[in-house]
Amino acid sequence: MSTAHVRLRIADGVATVVFDNPPLHVWNAAMTRGLTEALDTVESDPSVGVVILTGAGDRAFCAGSDIAEFAVLRAPGEAVAKKLRPQQELFARLASFPRPVIAALNGHTLGGGLEIAVCCDLIVAEEQIGIGSPEILLGVFPSSGGTFRVARRIGAGRAKEMQLLGEPVSAATALAWGLVNRVVERGGAVGAARELAEVLLRRPPRALALCKSVIDAAHDLPEEELIERSLAASDEAFTSAESAEGVRAFLAKRRPDFRDPPGSPAPHVRSVTHSVTRSVEKETHA
């Protein structure tokens, strides 16, 4: 699948979404539509076990919003209706996506780009990039979930430092703060993300989704409710075919095969050898 600025390739259980709005992949309404369509395709494809997001080329993952759109969004309520609410809904969908999502930051990640990245479960950043929230310099602030999602990752104090000052931080600082999971050398983000994806494809998919759902609720629910949610999810996990396969494999001293555990196939981790035929463009860093 391809749109004007978002490309999708599916191969071997991994869906790679590439932002392609040169030169810096600034975010606009067309990209919101493109990512929505990509997620629709991925969610309906049982072969996909992991999603990777990255930017085309090597200059940017996404350098924020297309400022040219701001000029036509001046009336009260207009920015919310035409830009921010659709983005909020899309980014919330990405944050709660039922399969693991990895952001491969292969270039500068600013503004809306950071808001997208922090919706992902794991973030890999290249060592040379800058990461930041410069919206305050335009008289606005991160309005598509970046305020609270960044704060959840690194705490309120560091989130305020990034968003009130509007100054980018290095990949090394982002790693030290816990904003990203790994830092790799220039040109290595997509490869490192694929290595993580290969590990995740060997994990039990339903258990991954259940574990993710409990972690994601950690900041939203009181402890008593979190305990009950965790117990309900654990009951489903313990009684699953995935768990039975995991126990059998442990006792037999072999690697578990969660792709098709007896009694309950897990189709979205089956290996596939084809690419989505609708995408004829060569993937960056393939």
C-alpha atoms as a PDB file:
ATOM      1  CA  MET A   1       0.000   0.000   0.000  1.00  0.00           C
ATOM      2  CA  SER A   2       1.244   3.490  -0.826  1.00  0.00           C
ATOM      3  CA  THR A   3      -0.184   6.957  -0.489  1.00  0.00           C
ATOM      4  CA  ALA A   4       1.440  10.226  -1.471  1.00  0.00           C
ATOM      5  CA  HIS A   5       3.495  10.472   1.711  1.00  0.00           C
ATOM      6  CA  VAL A   6       3.176   7.148   3.552  1.00  0.00           C
ATOM      7  CA  ARG A   7       4.462   3.829   2.227  1.00  0.00           C
ATOM      8  CA  LEU A   8       3.740   0.389   3.633  1.00  0.00           C
ATOM      9  CA  ARG A   9       5.582  -2.848   3.031  1.00  0.00           C
ATOM     10  CA  ILE A  10       4.685  -6.160   4.648  1.00  0.00           C
ATOM     11  CA  ALA A  11       7.142  -9.050   4.589  1.00  0.00           C
ATOM     12  CA  ASP A  12       8.006 -11.941   6.908  1.00  0.00           C
ATOM     13  CA  GLY A  13       5.518 -10.893   9.564  1.00  0.00           C
ATOM     14  CA  VAL A  14       6.761  -7.292   9.815  1.00  0.00           C
ATOM     15  CA  ALA A  15       4.908  -4.233   8.531  1.00  0.00           C
ATOM     16  CA  THR A  16       7.240  -1.313   7.780  1.00  0.00           C
ATOM     17  CA  VAL A  17       5.613   2.104   7.512  1.00  0.00           C
ATOM     18  CA  VAL A  18       7.809   4.741   5.868  1.00  0.00           C
ATOM     19  CA  PHE A  19       7.053   8.460   6.128  1.00  0.00           C
ATOM     20  CA  ASP A  20       7.959  10.027   2.793  1.00  0.00           C
ATOM     21  CA  ASN A  21       7.220  13.752   2.552  1.00  0.00           C
ATOM     22  CA  PRO A  22      10.609  15.216   1.516  1.00  0.00           C
ATOM     23  CA  PRO A  23      12.741  16.739   2.666  1.00  0.00           C
ATOM     24  CA  LEU A  24      11.889  16.368   6.375  1.00  0.00           C
ATOM     25  CA  HIS A  25       8.586  14.435   6.330  1.00  0.00           C
ATOM     26  CA  VAL A  26       6.651  17.229   8.017  1.00  0.00           C
ATOM     27  CA  TRP A  27       3.224  16.092   9.157  1.00  0.00           C
ATOM     28  CA  ASN A  28       0.099  17.225   7.330  1.00  0.00           C
ATOM     29  CA  ALA A  29      -3.469  16.086   6.731  1.00  0.00           C
ATOM     30  CA  ALA A  30      -2.396  13.806   3.882  1.00  0.00           C
ATOM     31  CA  MET A  31       0.008  11.970   6.201  1.00  0.00           C
ATOM     32  CA  THR A  32      -2.720  11.567   8.811  1.00  0.00           C
ATOM     33  CA  ARG A  33      -4.867   9.903   6.162  1.00  0.00           C
ATOM     34  CA  GLY A  34      -1.941   7.824   4.936  1.00  0.00           C
ATOM     35  CA  LEU A  35      -1.029   6.459   8.355  1.00  0.00           C
ATOM     36  CA  THR A  36      -4.694   5.739   9.070  1.00  0.00           C
ATOM     37  CA  GLU A  37      -4.934   3.684   5.892  1.00  0.00           C
ATOM     38  CA  ALA A  38      -1.694   1.885   6.697  1.00  0.00           C
ATOM     39  CA  LEU A  39      -2.947   0.908  10.165  1.00  0.00           C
ATOM     40  CA  ASP A  40      -6.233  -0.254   8.643  1.00  0.00           C
ATOM     41  CA  THR A  41      -4.307  -2.542   6.291  1.00  0.00           C
ATOM     42  CA  VAL A  42      -2.009  -3.860   8.996  1.00  0.00           C
ATOM     43  CA  GLU A  43      -4.783  -4.516  11.494  1.00  0.00           C
ATOM     44  CA  SER A  44      -6.715  -6.554   8.936  1.00  0.00           C
ATOM     45  CA  ASP A  45      -3.672  -8.600   7.890  1.00  0.00           C
ATOM     46  CA  PRO A  46      -3.205 -11.699  10.096  1.00  0.00           C
ATOM     47  CA  SER A  47       0.353 -12.195   8.851  1.00  0.00           C
ATOM     48  CA  VAL A  48       1.633  -9.086  10.663  1.00  0.00           C
ATOM     49  CA  GLY A  49       3.144  -9.557  14.101  1.00  0.00           C
ATOM     50  CA  VAL A  50       5.193  -6.355  14.496  1.00  0.00           C
ATOM     51  CA  VAL A  51       5.044  -2.825  13.047  1.00  0.00           C
ATOM     52  CA  ILE A  52       8.067  -0.587  12.383  1.00  0.00           C
ATOM     53  CA  LEU A  53       7.746   3.155  11.718  1.00  0.00           C
ATOM     54  CA  THR A  54      10.598   5.098  10.114  1.00  0.00           C
ATOM     55  CA  GLY A  55      11.364   7.970   7.750  1.00  0.00           C
ATOM     56  CA  ALA A  56      12.611   7.788   4.173  1.00  0.00           C
ATOM     57  CA  GLY A  57      16.218   8.791   3.633  1.00  0.00           C
ATOM     58  CA  ASP A  58      18.495   9.807   6.480  1.00  0.00           C
ATOM     59  CA  ARG A  59      17.552  13.385   7.382  1.00  0.00           C
ATOM     60  CA  ALA A  60      14.415  12.974   9.476  1.00  0.00           C
ATOM     61  CA  PHE A  61      12.002  10.540  11.041  1.00  0.00           C
ATOM     62  CA  CYS A  62       9.472  13.390  11.082  1.00  0.00           C
ATOM     63  CA  ALA A  63      10.376  17.009  11.775  1.00  0.00           C
ATOM     64  CA  GLY A  64       6.959  18.061  13.072  1.00  0.00           C
ATOM     65  CA  SER A  65       3.873  19.671  11.611  1.00  0.00           C
ATOM     66  CA  ASP A  66       3.629  21.417   8.275  1.00  0.00           C
ATOM     67  CA  ILE A  67       3.620  25.031   9.482  1.00  0.00           C
ATOM     68  CA  ALA A  68       1.970  26.127   6.232  1.00  0.00           C
ATOM     69  CA  GLU A  69      -1.247  24.513   7.477  1.00  0.00           C
ATOM     70  CA  PHE A  70      -1.338  26.786  10.519  1.00  0.00           C
ATOM     71  CA  ALA A  71      -2.279  29.867   8.499  1.00  0.00           C
ATOM     72  CA  VAL A  72      -5.714  28.465   7.617  1.00  0.00           C
ATOM     73  CA  LEU A  73      -6.471  27.268  11.145  1.00  0.00           C
ATOM     74  CA  ARG A  74      -6.761  30.601  12.946  1.00  0.00           C
ATOM     75  CA  ALA A  75     -10.452  30.667  13.858  1.00  0.00           C
ATOM     76  CA  PRO A  76     -11.403  29.386  17.340  1.00  0.00           C
ATOM     77  CA  GLY A  77     -11.982  25.638  17.252  1.00  0.00           C
ATOM     78  CA  GLU A  78     -10.712  25.254  13.707  1.00  0.00           C
ATOM     79  CA  ALA A  79      -7.290  23.804  14.567  1.00  0.00           C
ATOM     80  CA  VAL A  80      -8.927  21.287  16.892  1.00  0.00           C
ATOM     81  CA  ALA A  81     -11.576  20.204  14.415  1.00  0.00           C
ATOM     82  CA  LYS A  82      -9.436  20.049  11.294  1.00  0.00           C
ATOM     83  CA  LYS A  83      -6.022  19.021  12.627  1.00  0.00           C
ATOM     84  CA  LEU A  84      -5.633  18.222  16.298  1.00  0.00           C
ATOM     85  CA  ARG A  85      -8.614  15.962  16.978  1.00  0.00           C
ATOM     86  CA  PRO A  86      -7.965  13.729  13.937  1.00  0.00           C
ATOM     87  CA  GLN A  87      -4.309  13.513  14.972  1.00  0.00           C
ATOM     88  CA  GLN A  88      -5.201  12.779  18.602  1.00  0.00           C
ATOM     89  CA  GLU A  89      -7.512   9.956  17.514  1.00  0.00           C
ATOM     90  CA  LEU A  90      -4.908   8.482  15.167  1.00  0.00           C
ATOM     91  CA  PHE A  91      -2.062   8.719  17.658  1.00  0.00           C
ATOM     92  CA  ALA A  92      -4.233   7.191  20.413  1.00  0.00           C
ATOM     93  CA  ARG A  93      -4.991   4.320  18.052  1.00  0.00           C
ATOM     94  CA  LEU A  94      -1.283   3.869  17.395  1.00  0.00           C
ATOM     95  CA  ALA A  95      -0.513   3.944  21.129  1.00  0.00           C
ATOM     96  CA  SER A  96      -3.038   1.173  21.816  1.00  0.00           C
ATOM     97  CA  PHE A  97      -2.345  -0.847  18.667  1.00  0.00           C
ATOM     98  CA  PRO A  98      -2.791  -4.559  19.435  1.00  0.00           C
ATOM     99  CA  ARG A  99       0.618  -5.564  18.056  1.00  0.00           C
ATOM    100  CA  PRO A 100       4.030  -4.277  19.118  1.00  0.00           C
ATOM    101  CA  VAL A 101       5.125  -1.074  17.368  1.00  0.00           C
ATOM    102  CA  ILE A 102       8.767   0.032  17.060  1.00  0.00           C
ATOM    103  CA  ALA A 103       9.894   3.532  16.061  1.00  0.00           C
ATOM    104  CA  ALA A 104      13.180   3.583  14.136  1.00  0.00           C
ATOM    105  CA  LEU A 105      14.385   7.185  14.438  1.00  0.00           C
ATOM    106  CA  ASN A 106      16.792   7.525  11.527  1.00  0.00           C
ATOM    107  CA  GLY A 107      16.853  11.316  11.475  1.00  0.00           C
ATOM    108  CA  HIS A 108      15.688  14.352  13.395  1.00  0.00           C
ATOM    109  CA  THR A 109      12.532  13.729  15.412  1.00  0.00           C
ATOM    110  CA  LEU A 110      10.795  16.935  16.359  1.00  0.00           C
ATOM    111  CA  GLY A 111       7.327  18.128  17.373  1.00  0.00           C
ATOM    112  CA  GLY A 112       4.720  15.813  15.917  1.00  0.00           C
ATOM    113  CA  GLY A 113       7.459  13.360  15.053  1.00  0.00           C
ATOM    114  CA  LEU A 114       8.237  12.913  18.735  1.00  0.00           C
ATOM    115  CA  GLU A 115       4.514  12.657  19.481  1.00  0.00           C
ATOM    116  CA  ILE A 116       4.316   9.747  17.034  1.00  0.00           C
ATOM    117  CA  ALA A 117       7.449   8.107  18.413  1.00  0.00           C
ATOM    118  CA  VAL A 118       6.207   8.087  22.005  1.00  0.00           C
ATOM    119  CA  CYS A 119       3.065   6.259  20.867  1.00  0.00           C
ATOM    120  CA  CYS A 120       5.316   3.317  20.001  1.00  0.00           C
ATOM    121  CA  ASP A 121       6.233   0.512  22.386  1.00  0.00           C
ATOM    122  CA  LEU A 122       9.972   0.612  21.659  1.00  0.00           C
ATOM    123  CA  ILE A 123      12.108   3.428  20.244  1.00  0.00           C
ATOM    124  CA  VAL A 124      15.486   3.001  18.542  1.00  0.00           C
ATOM    125  CA  ALA A 125      17.414   6.201  17.777  1.00  0.00           C
ATOM    126  CA  GLU A 126      20.522   6.828  15.705  1.00  0.00           C
ATOM    127  CA  GLU A 127      23.350   8.504  17.559  1.00  0.00           C
ATOM    128  CA  GLN A 128      23.536  11.660  15.425  1.00  0.00           C
ATOM    129  CA  ILE A 129      19.901  12.790  15.643  1.00  0.00           C
ATOM    130  CA  GLY A 130      18.191  15.495  17.656  1.00  0.00           C
ATOM    131  CA  ILE A 131      14.921  14.855  19.483  1.00  0.00           C
ATOM    132  CA  GLY A 132      12.708  17.635  20.722  1.00  0.00           C
ATOM    133  CA  SER A 133       9.466  19.531  21.149  1.00  0.00           C
ATOM    134  CA  PRO A 134      10.012  23.004  19.648  1.00  0.00           C
ATOM    135  CA  GLU A 135       6.302  23.893  19.436  1.00  0.00           C
ATOM    136  CA  ILE A 136       6.588  26.513  22.203  1.00  0.00           C
ATOM    137  CA  LEU A 137       8.738  28.622  19.851  1.00  0.00           C
ATOM    138  CA  LEU A 138       5.649  28.971  17.618  1.00  0.00           C
ATOM    139  CA  GLY A 139       3.409  29.990  20.508  1.00  0.00           C
ATOM    140  CA  VAL A 140       1.792  26.551  20.810  1.00  0.00           C
ATOM    141  CA  PHE A 141       2.654  23.282  22.560  1.00  0.00           C
ATOM    142  CA  PRO A 142       2.501  19.536  21.771  1.00  0.00           C
ATOM    143  CA  SER A 143      -1.220  19.028  21.219  1.00  0.00           C
ATOM    144  CA  SER A 144      -1.506  15.453  19.954  1.00  0.00           C
ATOM    145  CA  GLY A 145      -0.655  13.614  23.153  1.00  0.00           C
ATOM    146  CA  GLY A 146       2.989  14.593  23.403  1.00  0.00           C
ATOM    147  CA  THR A 147       2.550  16.445  26.697  1.00  0.00           C
ATOM    148  CA  PHE A 148       1.358  13.460  28.688  1.00  0.00           C
ATOM    149  CA  ARG A 149       3.010  10.633  26.722  1.00  0.00           C
ATOM    150  CA  VAL A 150       6.468  12.185  27.008  1.00  0.00           C
ATOM    151  CA  ALA A 151       5.847  12.862  30.718  1.00  0.00           C
ATOM    152  CA  ARG A 152       4.853   9.226  31.245  1.00  0.00           C
ATOM    153  CA  ARG A 153       8.148   8.092  29.751  1.00  0.00           C
ATOM    154  CA  ILE A 154      10.577  10.504  31.386  1.00  0.00           C
ATOM    155  CA  GLY A 155       8.695  12.236  34.213  1.00  0.00           C
ATOM    156  CA  ALA A 156       7.131  15.671  34.468  1.00  0.00           C
ATOM    157  CA  GLY A 157      10.355  17.546  35.216  1.00  0.00           C
ATOM    158  CA  ARG A 158      12.214  16.420  32.112  1.00  0.00           C
ATOM    159  CA  ALA A 159       9.090  16.708  29.950  1.00  0.00           C
ATOM    160  CA  LYS A 160       8.763  20.336  31.067  1.00  0.00           C
ATOM    161  CA  GLU A 161      12.425  20.937  30.312  1.00  0.00           C
ATOM    162  CA  MET A 162      11.907  19.711  26.757  1.00  0.00           C
ATOM    163  CA  GLN A 163       8.569  21.360  26.098  1.00  0.00           C
ATOM    164  CA  LEU A 164       8.865  24.670  27.963  1.00  0.00           C
ATOM    165  CA  LEU A 165      12.357  25.429  26.653  1.00  0.00           C
ATOM    166  CA  GLY A 166      11.722  23.975  23.199  1.00  0.00           C
ATOM    167  CA  GLU A 167      15.332  22.855  22.835  1.00  0.00           C
ATOM    168  CA  PRO A 168      16.214  19.446  21.341  1.00  0.00           C
ATOM    169  CA  VAL A 169      18.220  16.833  23.199  1.00  0.00           C
ATOM    170  CA  SER A 170      20.752  14.394  21.813  1.00  0.00           C
ATOM    171  CA  ALA A 171      20.065  10.716  21.334  1.00  0.00           C
ATOM    172  CA  ALA A 172      22.469   9.992  24.201  1.00  0.00           C
ATOM    173  CA  THR A 173      20.498  12.258  26.546  1.00  0.00           C
ATOM    174  CA  ALA A 174      17.224  10.724  25.363  1.00  0.00           C
ATOM    175  CA  LEU A 175      18.617   7.288  26.238  1.00  0.00           C
ATOM    176  CA  ALA A 176      19.800   8.415  29.668  1.00  0.00           C
ATOM    177  CA  TRP A 177      16.361   9.900  30.360  1.00  0.00           C
ATOM    178  CA  GLY A 178      14.518   6.774  29.224  1.00  0.00           C
ATOM    179  CA  LEU A 179      12.881   8.531  26.285  1.00  0.00           C
ATOM    180  CA  VAL A 180      14.334   5.989  23.847  1.00  0.00           C
ATOM    181  CA  ASN A 181      15.217   2.334  24.422  1.00  0.00           C
ATOM    182  CA  ARG A 182      18.381   2.026  22.347  1.00  0.00           C
ATOM    183  CA  VAL A 183      20.874   4.217  20.511  1.00  0.00           C
ATOM    184  CA  VAL A 184      22.664   2.841  17.474  1.00  0.00           C
ATOM    185  CA  GLU A 185      25.195   4.149  14.973  1.00  0.00           C
ATOM    186  CA  ARG A 186      24.221   6.276  11.995  1.00  0.00           C
ATOM    187  CA  GLY A 187      22.235   4.268   9.482  1.00  0.00           C
ATOM    188  CA  GLY A 188      21.472   1.474  11.940  1.00  0.00           C
ATOM    189  CA  ALA A 189      17.991   2.298  13.261  1.00  0.00           C
ATOM    190  CA  VAL A 190      15.931   0.229  10.839  1.00  0.00           C
ATOM    191  CA  GLY A 191      18.270  -2.762  11.126  1.00  0.00           C
ATOM    192  CA  ALA A 192      18.152  -2.612  14.919  1.00  0.00           C
ATOM    193  CA  ALA A 193      14.359  -2.323  14.821  1.00  0.00           C
ATOM    194  CA  ARG A 194      14.188  -5.395  12.622  1.00  0.00           C
ATOM    195  CA  GLU A 195      16.350  -7.327  15.059  1.00  0.00           C
ATOM    196  CA  LEU A 196      13.918  -6.416  17.843  1.00  0.00           C
ATOM    197  CA  ALA A 197      11.019  -7.393  15.586  1.00  0.00           C
ATOM    198  CA  GLU A 198      12.553 -10.827  15.002  1.00  0.00           C
ATOM    199  CA  VAL A 199      12.693 -11.376  18.761  1.00  0.00           C
ATOM    200  CA  LEU A 200       9.097 -10.219  19.204  1.00  0.00           C
ATOM    201  CA  LEU A 201       7.928 -12.540  16.424  1.00  0.00           C
ATOM    202  CA  ARG A 202       9.180 -15.454  18.528  1.00  0.00           C
ATOM    203  CA  ARG A 203       7.115 -14.317  21.513  1.00  0.00           C
ATOM    204  CA  PRO A 204       3.474 -15.360  22.139  1.00  0.00           C
ATOM    205  CA  PRO A 205       1.338 -12.736  20.381  1.00  0.00           C
ATOM    206  CA  ARG A 206      -1.704 -12.817  22.655  1.00  0.00           C
ATOM    207  CA  ALA A 207       0.443 -12.653  25.772  1.00  0.00           C
ATOM    208  CA  LEU A 208       2.288  -9.673  24.268  1.00  0.00           C
ATOM    209  CA  ALA A 209      -0.994  -7.872  23.686  1.00  0.00           C
ATOM    210  CA  LEU A 210      -2.245  -8.639  27.188  1.00  0.00           C
ATOM    211  CA  CYS A 211       0.993  -7.533  28.840  1.00  0.00           C
ATOM    212  CA  LYS A 212       1.021  -4.332  26.776  1.00  0.00           C
ATOM    213  CA  SER A 213      -2.561  -3.518  27.772  1.00  0.00           C
ATOM    214  CA  VAL A 214      -1.778  -3.739  31.480  1.00  0.00           C
ATOM    215  CA  ILE A 215       1.398  -1.647  31.187  1.00  0.00           C
ATOM    216  CA  ASP A 216      -0.453   0.998  29.182  1.00  0.00           C
ATOM    217  CA  ALA A 217      -3.079   1.320  31.911  1.00  0.00           C
ATOM    218  CA  ALA A 218      -0.488   1.911  34.628  1.00  0.00           C
ATOM    219  CA  HIS A 219      -0.898   5.701  34.627  1.00  0.00           C
ATOM    220  CA  ASP A 220      -4.658   5.716  34.164  1.00  0.00           C
ATOM    221  CA  LEU A 221      -6.118   3.455  36.845  1.00  0.00           C
ATOM    222  CA  PRO A 222      -5.796   3.142  40.622  1.00  0.00           C
ATOM    223  CA  GLU A 223      -3.796   0.192  41.885  1.00  0.00           C
ATOM    224  CA  GLU A 224      -6.851  -1.809  42.874  1.00  0.00           C
ATOM    225  CA  GLU A 225      -8.237  -1.658  39.347  1.00  0.00           C
ATOM    226  CA  LEU A 226      -4.845  -2.422  37.871  1.00  0.00           C
ATOM    227  CA  ILE A 227      -4.633  -5.538  40.032  1.00  0.00           C
ATOM    228  CA  GLU A 228      -8.015  -6.747  38.793  1.00  0.00           C
ATOM    229  CA  ARG A 229      -7.120  -5.986  35.177  1.00  0.00           C
ATOM    230  CA  SER A 230      -3.806  -7.805  35.572  1.00  0.00           C
ATOM    231  CA  LEU A 231      -5.507 -10.826  37.129  1.00  0.00           C
ATOM    232  CA  ALA A 232      -8.090 -11.025  34.345  1.00  0.00           C
ATOM    233  CA  ALA A 233      -5.393 -10.774  31.683  1.00  0.00           C
ATOM    234  CA  SER A 234      -3.272 -13.341  33.517  1.00  0.00           C
ATOM    235  CA  ASP A 235      -6.196 -15.761  33.663  1.00  0.00           C
ATOM    236  CA  GLU A 236      -6.548 -15.527  29.896  1.00  0.00           C
ATOM    237  CA  ALA A 237      -2.813 -15.999  29.421  1.00  0.00           C
ATOM    238  CA  PHE A 238      -2.489 -18.958  31.792  1.00  0.00           C
ATOM    239  CA  THR A 239      -5.355 -20.830  30.119  1.00  0.00           C
ATOM    240  CA  SER A 240      -4.185 -20.168  26.550  1.00  0.00           C
ATOM    241  CA  ALA A 241      -2.700 -22.528  23.988  1.00  0.00           C
ATOM    242  CA  GLU A 242       0.349 -20.253  24.001  1.00  0.00           C
ATOM    243  CA  SER A 243       0.961 -20.960  27.672  1.00  0.00           C
ATOM    244  CA  ALA A 244       0.512 -24.688  27.144  1.00  0.00           C
ATOM    245  CA  GLU A 245       3.094 -24.597  24.358  1.00  0.00           C
ATOM    246  CA  GLY A 246       5.484 -22.556  26.504  1.00  0.00           C
ATOM    247  CA  VAL A 247       5.288 -25.060  29.347  1.00  0.00           C
ATOM    248  CA  ARG A 248       5.716 -28.039  26.991  1.00  0.00           C
ATOM    249  CA  ALA A 249       8.748 -26.431  25.401  1.00  0.00           C
ATOM    250  CA  PHE A 250      10.311 -25.601  28.775  1.00  0.00           C
ATOM    251  CA  LEU A 251       9.915 -29.165  30.030  1.00  0.00           C
ATOM    252  CA  ALA A 252      11.216 -30.567  26.750  1.00  0.00           C
ATOM    253  CA  LYS A 253      14.167 -28.137  26.793  1.00  0.00           C
ATOM    254  CA  ARG A 254      13.348 -26.736  23.353  1.00  0.00           C
ATOM    255  CA  ARG A 255      12.437 -23.337  21.959  1.00  0.00           C
ATOM    256  CA  PRO A 256       8.662 -22.756  22.007  1.00  0.00           C
ATOM    257  CA  ASP A 257       6.873 -22.305  18.711  1.00  0.00           C
ATOM    258  CA  PHE A 258       4.132 -19.745  19.300  1.00  0.00           C
ATOM    259  CA  ARG A 259       3.308 -19.379  15.614  1.00  0.00           C
ATOM    260  CA  ASP A 260       0.755 -22.186  15.622  1.00  0.00           C
ATOM    261  CA  PRO A 261       0.319 -23.590  19.136  1.00  0.00           C
ATOM    262  CA  PRO A 262      -1.991 -26.638  19.195  1.00  0.00           C
ATOM    263  CA  GLY A 263      -5.597 -25.700  19.826  1.00  0.00           C
ATOM    264  CA  SER A 264      -5.352 -21.987  19.080  1.00  0.00           C
ATOM    265  CA  PRO A 265      -3.444 -20.807  16.000  1.00  0.00           C
ATOM    266  CA  ALA A 266      -1.716 -17.481  16.293  1.00  0.00           C
ATOM    267  CA  PRO A 267      -1.886 -16.367  12.680  1.00  0.00           C
ATOM    268  CA  HIS A 268      -0.309 -12.967  12.997  1.00  0.00           C
ATOM    269  CA  VAL A 269       3.132 -14.397  13.714  1.00  0.00           C
ATOM    270  CA  ARG A 270       3.212 -16.849  10.805  1.00  0.00           C
ATOM    271  CA  SER A 271       6.138 -16.140   8.533  1.00  0.00           C
ATOM    272  CA  VAL A 272       5.181 -14.873   5.125  1.00  0.00           C
ATOM    273  CA  THR A 273       7.478 -14.624   2.141  1.00  0.00           C
ATOM    274  CA  HIS A 274       5.648 -12.085   0.024  1.00  0.00           C
ATOM    275  CA  SER A 275       5.403  -8.324   0.165  1.00  0.00           C
ATOM    276  CA  VAL A 276       2.255  -6.310  -0.187  1.00  0.00           C
ATOM    277  CA  THR A 277       1.841  -6.179  -3.931  1.00  0.00           C
ATOM    278  CA  ARG A 278       0.313  -2.729  -3.835  1.00  0.00           C
ATOM    279  CA  SER A 279       3.609  -1.253  -2.673  1.00  0.00           C
ATOM    280  CA  VAL A 280       6.001  -1.184  -5.590  1.00  0.00           C
ATOM    281  CA  GLU A 281       8.432   1.318  -4.154  1.00  0.00           C
ATOM    282  CA  LYS A 282      11.699   0.076  -2.720  1.00  0.00           C
ATOM    283  CA  GLU A 283      11.817   0.482   1.032  1.00  0.00           C
ATOM    284  CA  THR A 284      14.471   2.808   2.381  1.00  0.00           C
ATOM    285  CA  HIS A 285      17.338   0.962   4.106  1.00  0.00           C
ATOM    286  CA  ALA A 286      15.946  -2.381   2.850  1.00  0.00           C
END
